[in-house]
Amino acid sequence: MANSPQARKRARQSEKRRRHNASRRSMMRTRIKQVIKAIQSGDKTQAEAAYAVAVPVIDRAAGGDLIHRNKAARHKSRLIARIKAMA
């Protein structure tokens, strides 16, 4: 339990940040899953459209220090490789 006023404020800030990050992380994962689902359905145009929606979300997650920029690049690279392999 936080005893000092500073510790109580930090606890409030940490909880607010945790909720915000959890929401953004969930949105990013949802967008990635939508691309994977479109790939598995075999619809290349739908997969490309889902990828176009997912890329800015992934980039914002990396820009906001939610994930590392290399992880963002890895996600994007693997998704686009799977889309290109559909042909």
N, C-alpha and C. Protein backbone atom coordinates (compact mmCIF):
# COMPACT_ATOMS: atom_id res chain seq x y z
N MET A 1 0.85 -1.19 0.00
CA MET A 1 0.00 0.00 0.00
C MET A 1 0.89 1.24 0.00
N ALA A 2 0.53 2.20 -0.85
CA ALA A 2 1.30 3.44 -0.93
C ALA A 2 1.01 4.31 0.28
N ASN A 3 2.06 4.74 0.93
CA ASN A 3 1.89 5.51 2.16
C ASN A 3 2.08 7.01 1.96
N SER A 4 3.02 7.40 1.12
CA SER A 4 3.26 8.83 0.94
C SER A 4 2.36 9.37 -0.18
N PRO A 5 2.11 10.66 -0.18
CA PRO A 5 1.30 11.25 -1.26
C PRO A 5 1.91 11.00 -2.64
N GLN A 6 3.23 11.06 -2.72
CA GLN A 6 3.91 10.82 -4.00
C GLN A 6 3.68 9.39 -4.46
N ALA A 7 3.77 8.44 -3.55
CA ALA A 7 3.58 7.03 -3.90
C ALA A 7 2.13 6.77 -4.31
N ARG A 8 1.18 7.43 -3.66
CA ARG A 8 -0.22 7.27 -4.04
C ARG A 8 -0.46 7.81 -5.46
N LYS A 9 0.15 8.95 -5.76
CA LYS A 9 -0.01 9.53 -7.09
C LYS A 9 0.63 8.62 -8.15
N ARG A 10 1.81 8.08 -7.86
CA ARG A 10 2.47 7.19 -8.81
C ARG A 10 1.63 5.93 -9.05
N ALA A 11 0.97 5.45 -8.00
CA ALA A 11 0.11 4.27 -8.15
C ALA A 11 -1.07 4.59 -9.06
N ARG A 12 -1.65 5.79 -8.89
CA ARG A 12 -2.76 6.21 -9.76
C ARG A 12 -2.28 6.32 -11.21
N GLN A 13 -1.13 6.94 -11.40
CA GLN A 13 -0.61 7.12 -12.75
C GLN A 13 -0.30 5.78 -13.41
N SER A 14 0.28 4.87 -12.63
CA SER A 14 0.64 3.56 -13.17
C SER A 14 -0.60 2.79 -13.61
N GLU A 15 -1.65 2.85 -12.81
CA GLU A 15 -2.88 2.14 -13.15
C GLU A 15 -3.53 2.74 -14.40
N LYS A 16 -3.53 4.05 -14.51
CA LYS A 16 -4.10 4.73 -15.68
C LYS A 16 -3.30 4.34 -16.93
N ARG A 17 -1.99 4.35 -16.84
CA ARG A 17 -1.12 3.99 -17.96
C ARG A 17 -1.30 2.52 -18.34
N ARG A 18 -1.45 1.64 -17.34
CA ARG A 18 -1.63 0.21 -17.59
C ARG A 18 -2.91 -0.04 -18.39
N ARG A 19 -4.01 0.64 -17.98
CA ARG A 19 -5.27 0.47 -18.71
C ARG A 19 -5.16 0.98 -20.14
N HIS A 20 -4.52 2.12 -20.32
CA HIS A 20 -4.35 2.71 -21.64
C HIS A 20 -3.52 1.80 -22.54
N ASN A 21 -2.41 1.29 -22.01
CA ASN A 21 -1.55 0.41 -22.78
C ASN A 21 -2.24 -0.91 -23.10
N ALA A 22 -3.03 -1.43 -22.17
CA ALA A 22 -3.73 -2.69 -22.40
C ALA A 22 -4.72 -2.54 -23.55
N SER A 23 -5.39 -1.41 -23.62
CA SER A 23 -6.34 -1.14 -24.68
C SER A 23 -5.63 -1.08 -26.03
N ARG A 24 -4.53 -0.36 -26.08
CA ARG A 24 -3.78 -0.22 -27.33
C ARG A 24 -3.16 -1.55 -27.77
N ARG A 25 -2.68 -2.33 -26.81
CA ARG A 25 -2.09 -3.63 -27.13
C ARG A 25 -3.17 -4.57 -27.67
N SER A 26 -4.35 -4.53 -27.07
CA SER A 26 -5.46 -5.36 -27.52
C SER A 26 -5.87 -4.99 -28.95
N MET A 27 -5.93 -3.71 -29.25
CA MET A 27 -6.30 -3.26 -30.59
C MET A 27 -5.27 -3.74 -31.61
N MET A 28 -3.99 -3.64 -31.26
CA MET A 28 -2.94 -4.09 -32.17
C MET A 28 -3.06 -5.59 -32.44
N ARG A 29 -3.26 -6.37 -31.39
CA ARG A 29 -3.38 -7.82 -31.55
C ARG A 29 -4.61 -8.18 -32.38
N THR A 30 -5.70 -7.45 -32.18
CA THR A 30 -6.93 -7.70 -32.96
C THR A 30 -6.68 -7.46 -34.43
N ARG A 31 -6.01 -6.36 -34.76
CA ARG A 31 -5.73 -6.05 -36.17
C ARG A 31 -4.84 -7.12 -36.81
N ILE A 32 -3.86 -7.61 -36.06
CA ILE A 32 -2.98 -8.66 -36.58
C ILE A 32 -3.79 -9.93 -36.82
N LYS A 33 -4.66 -10.27 -35.88
CA LYS A 33 -5.49 -11.47 -36.03
C LYS A 33 -6.43 -11.35 -37.22
N GLN A 34 -6.91 -10.14 -37.50
CA GLN A 34 -7.80 -9.95 -38.65
C GLN A 34 -7.06 -10.23 -39.95
N VAL A 35 -5.79 -9.83 -40.02
CA VAL A 35 -4.98 -10.11 -41.22
C VAL A 35 -4.79 -11.62 -41.36
N ILE A 36 -4.44 -12.28 -40.26
CA ILE A 36 -4.21 -13.73 -40.29
C ILE A 36 -5.47 -14.47 -40.70
N LYS A 37 -6.60 -14.02 -40.18
CA LYS A 37 -7.88 -14.66 -40.53
C LYS A 37 -8.18 -14.50 -42.02
N ALA A 38 -7.90 -13.32 -42.56
CA ALA A 38 -8.12 -13.08 -43.99
C ALA A 38 -7.19 -13.94 -44.83
N ILE A 39 -5.95 -14.12 -44.37
CA ILE A 39 -5.00 -14.97 -45.09
C ILE A 39 -5.50 -16.41 -45.10
N GLN A 40 -5.98 -16.88 -43.96
CA GLN A 40 -6.44 -18.26 -43.85
C GLN A 40 -7.71 -18.51 -44.67
N SER A 41 -8.50 -17.45 -44.86
CA SER A 41 -9.71 -17.62 -45.68
C SER A 41 -9.37 -17.71 -47.17
N GLY A 42 -8.16 -17.28 -47.54
CA GLY A 42 -7.72 -17.38 -48.93
C GLY A 42 -8.07 -16.17 -49.78
N ASP A 43 -8.60 -15.13 -49.19
CA ASP A 43 -8.98 -13.93 -49.94
C ASP A 43 -7.83 -12.92 -49.88
N LYS A 44 -7.07 -12.83 -50.97
CA LYS A 44 -5.88 -11.98 -50.98
C LYS A 44 -6.23 -10.49 -50.88
N THR A 45 -7.29 -10.05 -51.56
CA THR A 45 -7.64 -8.63 -51.51
C THR A 45 -8.09 -8.23 -50.10
N GLN A 46 -8.83 -9.12 -49.46
CA GLN A 46 -9.26 -8.84 -48.09
C GLN A 46 -8.06 -8.82 -47.15
N ALA A 47 -7.11 -9.72 -47.37
CA ALA A 47 -5.90 -9.77 -46.54
C ALA A 47 -5.08 -8.50 -46.71
N GLU A 48 -4.96 -8.02 -47.94
CA GLU A 48 -4.21 -6.79 -48.19
C GLU A 48 -4.90 -5.59 -47.55
N ALA A 49 -6.22 -5.57 -47.61
CA ALA A 49 -6.97 -4.47 -46.99
C ALA A 49 -6.80 -4.50 -45.47
N ALA A 50 -6.86 -5.69 -44.88
CA ALA A 50 -6.67 -5.82 -43.43
C ALA A 50 -5.26 -5.43 -43.04
N TYR A 51 -4.29 -5.78 -43.88
CA TYR A 51 -2.88 -5.41 -43.62
C TYR A 51 -2.72 -3.89 -43.65
N ALA A 52 -3.37 -3.24 -44.61
CA ALA A 52 -3.28 -1.78 -44.71
C ALA A 52 -3.85 -1.09 -43.48
N VAL A 53 -4.84 -1.71 -42.85
CA VAL A 53 -5.41 -1.17 -41.62
C VAL A 53 -4.50 -1.46 -40.43
N ALA A 54 -3.86 -2.61 -40.44
CA ALA A 54 -3.04 -3.04 -39.31
C ALA A 54 -1.72 -2.28 -39.21
N VAL A 55 -1.12 -1.93 -40.34
CA VAL A 55 0.21 -1.31 -40.33
C VAL A 55 0.27 -0.02 -39.51
N PRO A 56 -0.64 0.94 -39.70
CA PRO A 56 -0.56 2.15 -38.87
C PRO A 56 -0.75 1.87 -37.38
N VAL A 57 -1.58 0.89 -37.06
CA VAL A 57 -1.80 0.54 -35.65
C VAL A 57 -0.51 -0.02 -35.05
N ILE A 58 0.16 -0.89 -35.79
CA ILE A 58 1.42 -1.45 -35.33
C ILE A 58 2.47 -0.36 -35.19
N ASP A 59 2.53 0.54 -36.17
CA ASP A 59 3.51 1.63 -36.12
C ASP A 59 3.27 2.56 -34.93
N ARG A 60 2.00 2.83 -34.63
CA ARG A 60 1.70 3.68 -33.47
C ARG A 60 2.10 3.00 -32.17
N ALA A 61 1.93 1.68 -32.12
CA ALA A 61 2.33 0.94 -30.92
C ALA A 61 3.84 1.03 -30.72
N ALA A 62 4.58 0.97 -31.81
CA ALA A 62 6.04 1.07 -31.72
C ALA A 62 6.45 2.51 -31.40
N GLY A 63 5.76 3.46 -31.99
CA GLY A 63 6.11 4.87 -31.75
C GLY A 63 5.81 5.31 -30.33
N GLY A 64 4.82 4.68 -29.71
CA GLY A 64 4.45 5.02 -28.35
C GLY A 64 5.12 4.15 -27.31
N ASP A 65 6.16 3.43 -27.71
CA ASP A 65 6.93 2.56 -26.81
C ASP A 65 6.09 1.45 -26.20
N LEU A 66 5.04 1.05 -26.87
CA LEU A 66 4.25 -0.08 -26.39
C LEU A 66 4.97 -1.39 -26.73
N ILE A 67 5.53 -1.41 -27.96
CA ILE A 67 6.38 -2.53 -28.39
C ILE A 67 7.64 -1.95 -29.00
N HIS A 68 8.67 -2.76 -29.10
CA HIS A 68 9.93 -2.31 -29.69
C HIS A 68 9.77 -2.17 -31.20
N ARG A 69 10.51 -1.25 -31.79
CA ARG A 69 10.37 -1.02 -33.23
C ARG A 69 10.76 -2.25 -34.05
N ASN A 70 11.69 -3.06 -33.54
CA ASN A 70 12.07 -4.28 -34.26
C ASN A 70 10.94 -5.31 -34.24
N LYS A 71 10.19 -5.35 -33.14
CA LYS A 71 9.05 -6.27 -33.06
C LYS A 71 7.97 -5.83 -34.05
N ALA A 72 7.77 -4.53 -34.16
CA ALA A 72 6.79 -4.01 -35.11
C ALA A 72 7.20 -4.38 -36.54
N ALA A 73 8.47 -4.21 -36.84
CA ALA A 73 8.98 -4.54 -38.18
C ALA A 73 8.83 -6.04 -38.44
N ARG A 74 9.08 -6.85 -37.43
CA ARG A 74 8.97 -8.30 -37.57
C ARG A 74 7.53 -8.72 -37.86
N HIS A 75 6.58 -8.12 -37.13
CA HIS A 75 5.16 -8.42 -37.38
C HIS A 75 4.78 -8.06 -38.81
N LYS A 76 5.13 -6.85 -39.22
CA LYS A 76 4.76 -6.40 -40.56
C LYS A 76 5.41 -7.26 -41.63
N SER A 77 6.66 -7.60 -41.44
CA SER A 77 7.38 -8.40 -42.41
C SER A 77 6.77 -9.78 -42.56
N ARG A 78 6.46 -10.42 -41.46
CA ARG A 78 5.89 -11.77 -41.51
C ARG A 78 4.50 -11.78 -42.12
N LEU A 79 3.71 -10.74 -41.81
CA LEU A 79 2.36 -10.67 -42.38
C LEU A 79 2.40 -10.48 -43.89
N ILE A 80 3.24 -9.54 -44.36
CA ILE A 80 3.28 -9.26 -45.79
C ILE A 80 3.88 -10.45 -46.55
N ALA A 81 4.81 -11.18 -45.91
CA ALA A 81 5.37 -12.37 -46.54
C ALA A 81 4.29 -13.43 -46.73
N ARG A 82 3.44 -13.58 -45.74
CA ARG A 82 2.35 -14.57 -45.84
C ARG A 82 1.34 -14.15 -46.90
N ILE A 83 1.10 -12.83 -47.02
CA ILE A 83 0.18 -12.35 -48.06
C ILE A 83 0.76 -12.60 -49.45
N LYS A 84 2.05 -12.31 -49.61
CA LYS A 84 2.69 -12.51 -50.92
C LYS A 84 2.74 -13.98 -51.30
N ALA A 85 2.85 -14.86 -50.32
CA ALA A 85 2.92 -16.30 -50.58
C ALA A 85 1.57 -16.87 -51.02
N MET A 86 0.49 -16.09 -50.89
CA MET A 86 -0.83 -16.58 -51.25
C MET A 86 -0.99 -16.79 -52.75
N ALA A 87 -0.26 -16.06 -53.55
CA ALA A 87 -0.40 -16.13 -55.01
C ALA A 87 -0.10 -17.52 -55.51
